[in-house]
Amino acid sequence: MSRIVWTDPALRDMEGIRAYIARDSESYANALMLDIVEAVEGLARFPRMGRFVPELHDGHTREILVGNYRVAYDVVGDAVRILTVLHGARQFPLS
C-alpha cells in the first residue's frame, strides 16, 4: 500500500474550499471534505487509478474527480502526493 502525503498547497486548497462552502452550508462543507478524503484514501490501494491531467501532457501528474472537484496527485516511490484540489470550473495551474 502507498502512503498518502498531503502537500501544503493541497491542504490550503481544502481549507479554502471548506470555508467557502461553509458560508452557505456547514453540513455540505463537511460532507464534501469527507468525500474528498475518502476518495484520496482509495489511492493508497490503487495509486494509478486516476487519469493523467490532460492540460499537463506530462504523463506523470494524475487526478481523480470528486463531485465537481479535481484532486491532482503524483506517485513518487511508495507515496501518493496530493498536489492540489480545485473546482472543475477553475483553470488548472500549469506551473
PDB file of N, CA and C in Angstrom:
ATOM      1  N   MET A   1       0.836  -1.195   0.000  1.00  0.00           N
ATOM      2  CA  MET A   1       0.000   0.000   0.000  1.00  0.00           C
ATOM      3  C   MET A   1       0.871   1.245   0.000  1.00  0.00           C
ATOM      4  N   SER A   2       0.405   2.226  -0.710  1.00  0.00           N
ATOM      5  CA  SER A   2       1.102   3.514  -0.750  1.00  0.00           C
ATOM      6  C   SER A   2       0.669   4.363   0.440  1.00  0.00           C
ATOM      7  N   ARG A   3       1.535   5.263   0.816  1.00  0.00           N
ATOM      8  CA  ARG A   3       1.142   6.220   1.862  1.00  0.00           C
ATOM      9  C   ARG A   3       0.715   7.515   1.197  1.00  0.00           C
ATOM     10  N   ILE A   4      -0.236   8.183   1.813  1.00  0.00           N
ATOM     11  CA  ILE A   4      -0.777   9.433   1.284  1.00  0.00           C
ATOM     12  C   ILE A   4      -0.052  10.600   1.950  1.00  0.00           C
ATOM     13  N   VAL A   5       0.431  11.536   1.135  1.00  0.00           N
ATOM     14  CA  VAL A   5       1.110  12.731   1.638  1.00  0.00           C
ATOM     15  C   VAL A   5       0.387  13.947   1.072  1.00  0.00           C
ATOM     16  N   TRP A   6      -0.209  14.741   1.957  1.00  0.00           N
ATOM     17  CA  TRP A   6      -0.888  15.975   1.546  1.00  0.00           C
ATOM     18  C   TRP A   6       0.142  17.094   1.538  1.00  0.00           C
ATOM     19  N   THR A   7       0.311  17.768   0.411  1.00  0.00           N
ATOM     20  CA  THR A   7       1.218  18.912   0.352  1.00  0.00           C
ATOM     21  C   THR A   7       0.533  20.119   1.006  1.00  0.00           C
ATOM     22  N   ASP A   8       1.331  21.092   1.401  1.00  0.00           N
ATOM     23  CA  ASP A   8       0.771  22.308   1.999  1.00  0.00           C
ATOM     24  C   ASP A   8      -0.211  23.015   1.065  1.00  0.00           C
ATOM     25  N   PRO A   9       0.107  23.155  -0.234  1.00  0.00           N
ATOM     26  CA  PRO A   9      -0.872  23.801  -1.121  1.00  0.00           C
ATOM     27  C   PRO A   9      -2.207  23.050  -1.169  1.00  0.00           C
ATOM     28  N   ALA A  10      -2.168  21.731  -1.180  1.00  0.00           N
ATOM     29  CA  ALA A  10      -3.412  20.953  -1.214  1.00  0.00           C
ATOM     30  C   ALA A  10      -4.211  21.143   0.076  1.00  0.00           C
ATOM     31  N   LEU A  11      -3.520  21.195   1.204  1.00  0.00           N
ATOM     32  CA  LEU A  11      -4.222  21.429   2.477  1.00  0.00           C
ATOM     33  C   LEU A  11      -4.848  22.819   2.501  1.00  0.00           C
ATOM     34  N   ARG A  12      -4.133  23.814   1.967  1.00  0.00           N
ATOM     35  CA  ARG A  12      -4.710  25.162   1.884  1.00  0.00           C
ATOM     36  C   ARG A  12      -5.919  25.176   0.956  1.00  0.00           C
ATOM     37  N   ASP A  13      -5.835  24.430  -0.145  1.00  0.00           N
ATOM     38  CA  ASP A  13      -6.986  24.323  -1.048  1.00  0.00           C
ATOM     39  C   ASP A  13      -8.200  23.771  -0.307  1.00  0.00           C
ATOM     40  N   MET A  14      -7.983  22.712   0.446  1.00  0.00           N
ATOM     41  CA  MET A  14      -9.087  22.085   1.179  1.00  0.00           C
ATOM     42  C   MET A  14      -9.686  23.067   2.192  1.00  0.00           C
ATOM     43  N   GLU A  15      -8.842  23.784   2.899  1.00  0.00           N
ATOM     44  CA  GLU A  15      -9.334  24.762   3.872  1.00  0.00           C
ATOM     45  C   GLU A  15     -10.153  25.846   3.186  1.00  0.00           C
ATOM     46  N   GLY A  16      -9.674  26.329   2.042  1.00  0.00           N
ATOM     47  CA  GLY A  16     -10.380  27.372   1.308  1.00  0.00           C
ATOM     48  C   GLY A  16     -11.717  26.894   0.768  1.00  0.00           C
ATOM     49  N   ILE A  17     -11.745  25.693   0.222  1.00  0.00           N
ATOM     50  CA  ILE A  17     -12.987  25.125  -0.299  1.00  0.00           C
ATOM     51  C   ILE A  17     -13.993  24.956   0.823  1.00  0.00           C
ATOM     52  N   ARG A  18     -13.524  24.401   1.940  1.00  0.00           N
ATOM     53  CA  ARG A  18     -14.421  24.176   3.067  1.00  0.00           C
ATOM     54  C   ARG A  18     -14.997  25.494   3.581  1.00  0.00           C
ATOM     55  N   ALA A  19     -14.144  26.491   3.734  1.00  0.00           N
ATOM     56  CA  ALA A  19     -14.597  27.790   4.247  1.00  0.00           C
ATOM     57  C   ALA A  19     -15.609  28.427   3.305  1.00  0.00           C
ATOM     58  N   TYR A  20     -15.358  28.340   2.007  1.00  0.00           N
ATOM     59  CA  TYR A  20     -16.256  28.936   1.021  1.00  0.00           C
ATOM     60  C   TYR A  20     -17.636  28.271   1.064  1.00  0.00           C
ATOM     61  N   ILE A  21     -17.657  26.961   1.070  1.00  0.00           N
ATOM     62  CA  ILE A  21     -18.934  26.240   1.076  1.00  0.00           C
ATOM     63  C   ILE A  21     -19.640  26.387   2.411  1.00  0.00           C
ATOM     64  N   ALA A  22     -18.893  26.442   3.500  1.00  0.00           N
ATOM     65  CA  ALA A  22     -19.486  26.540   4.841  1.00  0.00           C
ATOM     66  C   ALA A  22     -20.241  27.849   5.042  1.00  0.00           C
ATOM     67  N   ARG A  23     -19.929  28.868   4.231  1.00  0.00           N
ATOM     68  CA  ARG A  23     -20.684  30.124   4.343  1.00  0.00           C
ATOM     69  C   ARG A  23     -22.161  29.884   4.071  1.00  0.00           C
ATOM     70  N   ASP A  24     -22.465  28.926   3.206  1.00  0.00           N
ATOM     71  CA  ASP A  24     -23.853  28.596   2.887  1.00  0.00           C
ATOM     72  C   ASP A  24     -24.354  27.361   3.620  1.00  0.00           C
ATOM     73  N   SER A  25     -23.470  26.372   3.813  1.00  0.00           N
ATOM     74  CA  SER A  25     -23.907  25.120   4.427  1.00  0.00           C
ATOM     75  C   SER A  25     -22.736  24.415   5.098  1.00  0.00           C
ATOM     76  N   GLU A  26     -22.722  24.474   6.394  1.00  0.00           N
ATOM     77  CA  GLU A  26     -21.689  23.798   7.178  1.00  0.00           C
ATOM     78  C   GLU A  26     -21.741  22.288   6.937  1.00  0.00           C
ATOM     79  N   SER A  27     -22.932  21.736   6.885  1.00  0.00           N
ATOM     80  CA  SER A  27     -23.057  20.282   6.726  1.00  0.00           C
ATOM     81  C   SER A  27     -22.596  19.845   5.340  1.00  0.00           C
ATOM     82  N   TYR A  28     -22.909  20.617   4.295  1.00  0.00           N
ATOM     83  CA  TYR A  28     -22.450  20.249   2.956  1.00  0.00           C
ATOM     84  C   TYR A  28     -20.928  20.369   2.876  1.00  0.00           C
ATOM     85  N   ALA A  29     -20.376  21.389   3.497  1.00  0.00           N
ATOM     86  CA  ALA A  29     -18.915  21.561   3.500  1.00  0.00           C
ATOM     87  C   ALA A  29     -18.249  20.350   4.151  1.00  0.00           C
ATOM     88  N   ASN A  30     -18.773  19.919   5.289  1.00  0.00           N
ATOM     89  CA  ASN A  30     -18.207  18.758   5.981  1.00  0.00           C
ATOM     90  C   ASN A  30     -18.350  17.493   5.143  1.00  0.00           C
ATOM     91  N   ALA A  31     -19.508  17.324   4.505  1.00  0.00           N
ATOM     92  CA  ALA A  31     -19.740  16.131   3.680  1.00  0.00           C
ATOM     93  C   ALA A  31     -18.784  16.099   2.492  1.00  0.00           C
ATOM     94  N   LEU A  32     -18.555  17.242   1.862  1.00  0.00           N
ATOM     95  CA  LEU A  32     -17.641  17.296   0.723  1.00  0.00           C
ATOM     96  C   LEU A  32     -16.217  16.976   1.155  1.00  0.00           C
ATOM     97  N   MET A  33     -15.778  17.518   2.280  1.00  0.00           N
ATOM     98  CA  MET A  33     -14.432  17.233   2.766  1.00  0.00           C
ATOM     99  C   MET A  33     -14.271  15.730   3.009  1.00  0.00           C
ATOM    100  N   LEU A  34     -15.293  15.120   3.602  1.00  0.00           N
ATOM    101  CA  LEU A  34     -15.249  13.684   3.852  1.00  0.00           C
ATOM    102  C   LEU A  34     -15.183  12.907   2.542  1.00  0.00           C
ATOM    103  N   ASP A  35     -15.971  13.302   1.557  1.00  0.00           N
ATOM    104  CA  ASP A  35     -15.943  12.634   0.246  1.00  0.00           C
ATOM    105  C   ASP A  35     -14.562  12.713  -0.386  1.00  0.00           C
ATOM    106  N   ILE A  36     -13.944  13.890  -0.320  1.00  0.00           N
ATOM    107  CA  ILE A  36     -12.619  14.064  -0.921  1.00  0.00           C
ATOM    108  C   ILE A  36     -11.586  13.214  -0.181  1.00  0.00           C
ATOM    109  N   VAL A  37     -11.609  13.253   1.141  1.00  0.00           N
ATOM    110  CA  VAL A  37     -10.638  12.478   1.926  1.00  0.00           C
ATOM    111  C   VAL A  37     -10.812  10.986   1.663  1.00  0.00           C
ATOM    112  N   GLU A  38     -12.051  10.506   1.604  1.00  0.00           N
ATOM    113  CA  GLU A  38     -12.281   9.084   1.342  1.00  0.00           C
ATOM    114  C   GLU A  38     -11.791   8.690  -0.050  1.00  0.00           C
ATOM    115  N   ALA A  39     -12.009   9.546  -1.035  1.00  0.00           N
ATOM    116  CA  ALA A  39     -11.529   9.252  -2.388  1.00  0.00           C
ATOM    117  C   ALA A  39     -10.003   9.199  -2.408  1.00  0.00           C
ATOM    118  N   VAL A  40      -9.367  10.130  -1.718  1.00  0.00           N
ATOM    119  CA  VAL A  40      -7.904  10.150  -1.664  1.00  0.00           C
ATOM    120  C   VAL A  40      -7.385   8.906  -0.949  1.00  0.00           C
ATOM    121  N   GLU A  41      -8.050   8.477   0.107  1.00  0.00           N
ATOM    122  CA  GLU A  41      -7.606   7.278   0.820  1.00  0.00           C
ATOM    123  C   GLU A  41      -7.623   6.051  -0.080  1.00  0.00           C
ATOM    124  N   GLY A  42      -8.537   6.024  -1.057  1.00  0.00           N
ATOM    125  CA  GLY A  42      -8.573   4.923  -2.010  1.00  0.00           C
ATOM    126  C   GLY A  42      -7.318   4.829  -2.861  1.00  0.00           C
ATOM    127  N   LEU A  43      -6.613   5.946  -2.996  1.00  0.00           N
ATOM    128  CA  LEU A  43      -5.369   5.956  -3.762  1.00  0.00           C
ATOM    129  C   LEU A  43      -4.265   5.144  -3.083  1.00  0.00           C
ATOM    130  N   ALA A  44      -4.387   4.924  -1.787  1.00  0.00           N
ATOM    131  CA  ALA A  44      -3.379   4.132  -1.082  1.00  0.00           C
ATOM    132  C   ALA A  44      -3.322   2.716  -1.655  1.00  0.00           C
ATOM    133  N   ARG A  45      -4.464   2.178  -2.023  1.00  0.00           N
ATOM    134  CA  ARG A  45      -4.514   0.822  -2.602  1.00  0.00           C
ATOM    135  C   ARG A  45      -4.336   0.829  -4.109  1.00  0.00           C
ATOM    136  N   PHE A  46      -4.846   1.866  -4.760  1.00  0.00           N
ATOM    137  CA  PHE A  46      -4.810   1.933  -6.222  1.00  0.00           C
ATOM    138  C   PHE A  46      -4.259   3.290  -6.669  1.00  0.00           C
ATOM    139  N   PRO A  47      -2.966   3.518  -6.489  1.00  0.00           N
ATOM    140  CA  PRO A  47      -2.401   4.852  -6.739  1.00  0.00           C
ATOM    141  C   PRO A  47      -2.460   5.314  -8.193  1.00  0.00           C
ATOM    142  N   ARG A  48      -2.593   4.405  -9.112  1.00  0.00           N
ATOM    143  CA  ARG A  48      -2.608   4.811 -10.517  1.00  0.00           C
ATOM    144  C   ARG A  48      -4.010   4.761 -11.124  1.00  0.00           C
ATOM    145  N   MET A  49      -5.029   4.816 -10.266  1.00  0.00           N
ATOM    146  CA  MET A  49      -6.396   4.724 -10.780  1.00  0.00           C
ATOM    147  C   MET A  49      -6.862   6.019 -11.444  1.00  0.00           C
ATOM    148  N   GLY A  50      -6.260   7.137 -11.125  1.00  0.00           N
ATOM    149  CA  GLY A  50      -6.674   8.409 -11.710  1.00  0.00           C
ATOM    150  C   GLY A  50      -6.165   8.577 -13.132  1.00  0.00           C
ATOM    151  N   ARG A  51      -6.826   9.455 -13.849  1.00  0.00           N
ATOM    152  CA  ARG A  51      -6.379   9.750 -15.221  1.00  0.00           C
ATOM    153  C   ARG A  51      -5.238  10.763 -15.169  1.00  0.00           C
ATOM    154  N   PHE A  52      -4.477  10.825 -16.259  1.00  0.00           N
ATOM    155  CA  PHE A  52      -3.452  11.858 -16.357  1.00  0.00           C
ATOM    156  C   PHE A  52      -4.139  13.206 -16.546  1.00  0.00           C
ATOM    157  N   VAL A  53      -3.588  14.252 -15.954  1.00  0.00           N
ATOM    158  CA  VAL A  53      -4.158  15.589 -16.089  1.00  0.00           C
ATOM    159  C   VAL A  53      -3.972  16.016 -17.539  1.00  0.00           C
ATOM    160  N   PRO A  54      -5.088  16.196 -18.275  1.00  0.00           N
ATOM    161  CA  PRO A  54      -4.973  16.457 -19.711  1.00  0.00           C
ATOM    162  C   PRO A  54      -4.226  17.739 -20.070  1.00  0.00           C
ATOM    163  N   GLU A  55      -4.321  18.773 -19.253  1.00  0.00           N
ATOM    164  CA  GLU A  55      -3.664  20.048 -19.562  1.00  0.00           C
ATOM    165  C   GLU A  55      -2.143  19.969 -19.485  1.00  0.00           C
ATOM    166  N   LEU A  56      -1.628  19.023 -18.738  1.00  0.00           N
ATOM    167  CA  LEU A  56      -0.188  18.990 -18.484  1.00  0.00           C
ATOM    168  C   LEU A  56       0.608  18.213 -19.521  1.00  0.00           C
ATOM    169  N   HIS A  57       0.039  17.189 -20.100  1.00  0.00           N
ATOM    170  CA  HIS A  57       0.731  16.374 -21.111  1.00  0.00           C
ATOM    171  C   HIS A  57       2.080  15.861 -20.599  1.00  0.00           C
ATOM    172  N   ASP A  58       2.173  15.584 -19.295  1.00  0.00           N
ATOM    173  CA  ASP A  58       3.463  15.152 -18.766  1.00  0.00           C
ATOM    174  C   ASP A  58       3.526  13.655 -18.469  1.00  0.00           C
ATOM    175  N   GLY A  59       2.394  12.964 -18.537  1.00  0.00           N
ATOM    176  CA  GLY A  59       2.394  11.535 -18.276  1.00  0.00           C
ATOM    177  C   GLY A  59       2.808  11.178 -16.867  1.00  0.00           C
ATOM    178  N   HIS A  60       2.705  12.144 -15.957  1.00  0.00           N
ATOM    179  CA  HIS A  60       3.149  11.916 -14.578  1.00  0.00           C
ATOM    180  C   HIS A  60       2.081  12.331 -13.564  1.00  0.00           C
ATOM    181  N   THR A  61       1.509  13.501 -13.742  1.00  0.00           N
ATOM    182  CA  THR A  61       0.529  14.026 -12.793  1.00  0.00           C
ATOM    183  C   THR A  61      -0.848  13.463 -13.125  1.00  0.00           C
ATOM    184  N   ARG A  62      -1.485  12.882 -12.120  1.00  0.00           N
ATOM    185  CA  ARG A  62      -2.795  12.268 -12.296  1.00  0.00           C
ATOM    186  C   ARG A  62      -3.834  13.039 -11.511  1.00  0.00           C
ATOM    187  N   GLU A  63      -5.096  12.697 -11.764  1.00  0.00           N
ATOM    188  CA  GLU A  63      -6.162  13.318 -10.990  1.00  0.00           C
ATOM    189  C   GLU A  63      -7.326  12.350 -10.852  1.00  0.00           C
ATOM    190  N   ILE A  64      -8.048  12.531  -9.749  1.00  0.00           N
ATOM    191  CA  ILE A  64      -9.330  11.872  -9.567  1.00  0.00           C
ATOM    192  C   ILE A  64     -10.371  12.977  -9.452  1.00  0.00           C
ATOM    193  N   LEU A  65     -11.573  12.645  -9.843  1.00  0.00           N
ATOM    194  CA  LEU A  65     -12.675  13.601  -9.767  1.00  0.00           C
ATOM    195  C   LEU A  65     -13.574  13.213  -8.613  1.00  0.00           C
ATOM    196  N   VAL A  66     -13.913  14.211  -7.803  1.00  0.00           N
ATOM    197  CA  VAL A  66     -14.808  14.004  -6.671  1.00  0.00           C
ATOM    198  C   VAL A  66     -15.879  15.080  -6.773  1.00  0.00           C
ATOM    199  N   GLY A  67     -17.055  14.681  -7.224  1.00  0.00           N
ATOM    200  CA  GLY A  67     -18.098  15.674  -7.464  1.00  0.00           C
ATOM    201  C   GLY A  67     -17.600  16.662  -8.499  1.00  0.00           C
ATOM    202  N   ASN A  68     -17.652  17.931  -8.168  1.00  0.00           N
ATOM    203  CA  ASN A  68     -17.186  18.989  -9.066  1.00  0.00           C
ATOM    204  C   ASN A  68     -15.722  19.350  -8.862  1.00  0.00           C
ATOM    205  N   TYR A  69     -15.000  18.555  -8.093  1.00  0.00           N
ATOM    206  CA  TYR A  69     -13.621  18.895  -7.729  1.00  0.00           C
ATOM    207  C   TYR A  69     -12.621  17.939  -8.348  1.00  0.00           C
ATOM    208  N   ARG A  70     -11.455  18.484  -8.651  1.00  0.00           N
ATOM    209  CA  ARG A  70     -10.340  17.739  -9.203  1.00  0.00           C
ATOM    210  C   ARG A  70      -9.252  17.647  -8.140  1.00  0.00           C
ATOM    211  N   VAL A  71      -8.795  16.440  -7.875  1.00  0.00           N
ATOM    212  CA  VAL A  71      -7.719  16.220  -6.914  1.00  0.00           C
ATOM    213  C   VAL A  71      -6.514  15.724  -7.711  1.00  0.00           C
ATOM    214  N   ALA A  72      -5.502  16.581  -7.846  1.00  0.00           N
ATOM    215  CA  ALA A  72      -4.306  16.237  -8.612  1.00  0.00           C
ATOM    216  C   ALA A  72      -3.248  15.662  -7.686  1.00  0.00           C
ATOM    217  N   TYR A  73      -2.560  14.637  -8.194  1.00  0.00           N
ATOM    218  CA  TYR A  73      -1.541  13.973  -7.384  1.00  0.00           C
ATOM    219  C   TYR A  73      -0.472  13.375  -8.285  1.00  0.00           C
ATOM    220  N   ASP A  74       0.626  13.005  -7.674  1.00  0.00           N
ATOM    221  CA  ASP A  74       1.627  12.215  -8.372  1.00  0.00           C
ATOM    222  C   ASP A  74       2.058  11.078  -7.468  1.00  0.00           C
ATOM    223  N   VAL A  75       2.704  10.111  -8.075  1.00  0.00           N
ATOM    224  CA  VAL A  75       3.176   8.941  -7.332  1.00  0.00           C
ATOM    225  C   VAL A  75       4.688   8.989  -7.350  1.00  0.00           C
ATOM    226  N   VAL A  76       5.270   9.035  -6.152  1.00  0.00           N
ATOM    227  CA  VAL A  76       6.718   9.093  -6.015  1.00  0.00           C
ATOM    228  C   VAL A  76       7.131   7.960  -5.079  1.00  0.00           C
ATOM    229  N   GLY A  77       7.743   6.940  -5.643  1.00  0.00           N
ATOM    230  CA  GLY A  77       8.112   5.772  -4.845  1.00  0.00           C
ATOM    231  C   GLY A  77       6.870   5.126  -4.275  1.00  0.00           C
ATOM    232  N   ASP A  78       6.825   5.000  -2.946  1.00  0.00           N
ATOM    233  CA  ASP A  78       5.651   4.393  -2.307  1.00  0.00           C
ATOM    234  C   ASP A  78       4.686   5.446  -1.767  1.00  0.00           C
ATOM    235  N   ALA A  79       4.831   6.685  -2.218  1.00  0.00           N
ATOM    236  CA  ALA A  79       3.984   7.775  -1.723  1.00  0.00           C
ATOM    237  C   ALA A  79       3.104   8.343  -2.833  1.00  0.00           C
ATOM    238  N   VAL A  80       1.881   8.667  -2.458  1.00  0.00           N
ATOM    239  CA  VAL A  80       0.971   9.415  -3.323  1.00  0.00           C
ATOM    240  C   VAL A  80       0.941  10.823  -2.755  1.00  0.00           C
ATOM    241  N   ARG A  81       1.441  11.790  -3.525  1.00  0.00           N
ATOM    242  CA  ARG A  81       1.473  13.182  -3.066  1.00  0.00           C
ATOM    243  C   ARG A  81       0.283  13.928  -3.645  1.00  0.00           C
ATOM    244  N   ILE A  82      -0.574  14.451  -2.757  1.00  0.00           N
ATOM    245  CA  ILE A  82      -1.716  15.237  -3.178  1.00  0.00           C
ATOM    246  C   ILE A  82      -1.208  16.650  -3.427  1.00  0.00           C
ATOM    247  N   LEU A  83      -1.328  17.104  -4.674  1.00  0.00           N
ATOM    248  CA  LEU A  83      -0.719  18.372  -5.085  1.00  0.00           C
ATOM    249  C   LEU A  83      -1.663  19.557  -4.986  1.00  0.00           C
ATOM    250  N   THR A  84      -2.908  19.368  -5.419  1.00  0.00           N
ATOM    251  CA  THR A  84      -3.878  20.452  -5.392  1.00  0.00           C
ATOM    252  C   THR A  84      -5.287  19.875  -5.448  1.00  0.00           C
ATOM    253  N   VAL A  85      -6.232  20.657  -4.955  1.00  0.00           N
ATOM    254  CA  VAL A  85      -7.654  20.326  -5.041  1.00  0.00           C
ATOM    255  C   VAL A  85      -8.329  21.590  -5.557  1.00  0.00           C
ATOM    256  N   LEU A  86      -9.024  21.477  -6.686  1.00  0.00           N
ATOM    257  CA  LEU A  86      -9.653  22.669  -7.227  1.00  0.00           C
ATOM    258  C   LEU A  86     -10.983  22.328  -7.881  1.00  0.00           C
ATOM    259  N   HIS A  87     -11.828  23.327  -7.953  1.00  0.00           N
ATOM    260  CA  HIS A  87     -13.126  23.166  -8.590  1.00  0.00           C
ATOM    261  C   HIS A  87     -12.910  22.940 -10.080  1.00  0.00           C
ATOM    262  N   GLY A  88     -13.710  22.071 -10.665  1.00  0.00           N
ATOM    263  CA  GLY A  88     -13.562  21.733 -12.077  1.00  0.00           C
ATOM    264  C   GLY A  88     -13.739  22.905 -13.016  1.00  0.00           C
ATOM    265  N   ALA A  89     -14.435  23.954 -12.582  1.00  0.00           N
ATOM    266  CA  ALA A  89     -14.641  25.133 -13.435  1.00  0.00           C
ATOM    267  C   ALA A  89     -13.417  26.054 -13.446  1.00  0.00           C
ATOM    268  N   ARG A  90     -12.509  25.850 -12.508  1.00  0.00           N
ATOM    269  CA  ARG A  90     -11.309  26.691 -12.457  1.00  0.00           C
ATOM    270  C   ARG A  90     -10.239  26.156 -13.382  1.00  0.00           C
ATOM    271  N   GLN A  91      -9.412  27.041 -13.879  1.00  0.00           N
ATOM    272  CA  GLN A  91      -8.327  26.654 -14.762  1.00  0.00           C
ATOM    273  C   GLN A  91      -7.251  25.946 -13.943  1.00  0.00           C
ATOM    274  N   PHE A  92      -6.730  24.870 -14.491  1.00  0.00           N
ATOM    275  CA  PHE A  92      -5.695  24.107 -13.792  1.00  0.00           C
ATOM    276  C   PHE A  92      -4.408  24.919 -13.788  1.00  0.00           C
ATOM    277  N   PRO A  93      -3.743  25.033 -12.616  1.00  0.00           N
ATOM    278  CA  PRO A  93      -2.479  25.785 -12.572  1.00  0.00           C
ATOM    279  C   PRO A  93      -1.394  25.015 -13.324  1.00  0.00           C
ATOM    280  N   LEU A  94      -0.797  25.649 -14.307  1.00  0.00           N
ATOM    281  CA  LEU A  94       0.191  24.968 -15.143  1.00  0.00           C
ATOM    282  C   LEU A  94       1.620  25.107 -14.655  1.00  0.00           C
ATOM    283  N   SER A  95       1.821  25.839 -13.586  1.00  0.00           N
ATOM    284  CA  SER A  95       3.191  25.988 -13.081  1.00  0.00           C
ATOM    285  C   SER A  95       3.405  25.222 -11.814  1.00  0.00           C
TER     286      SER A  95
END
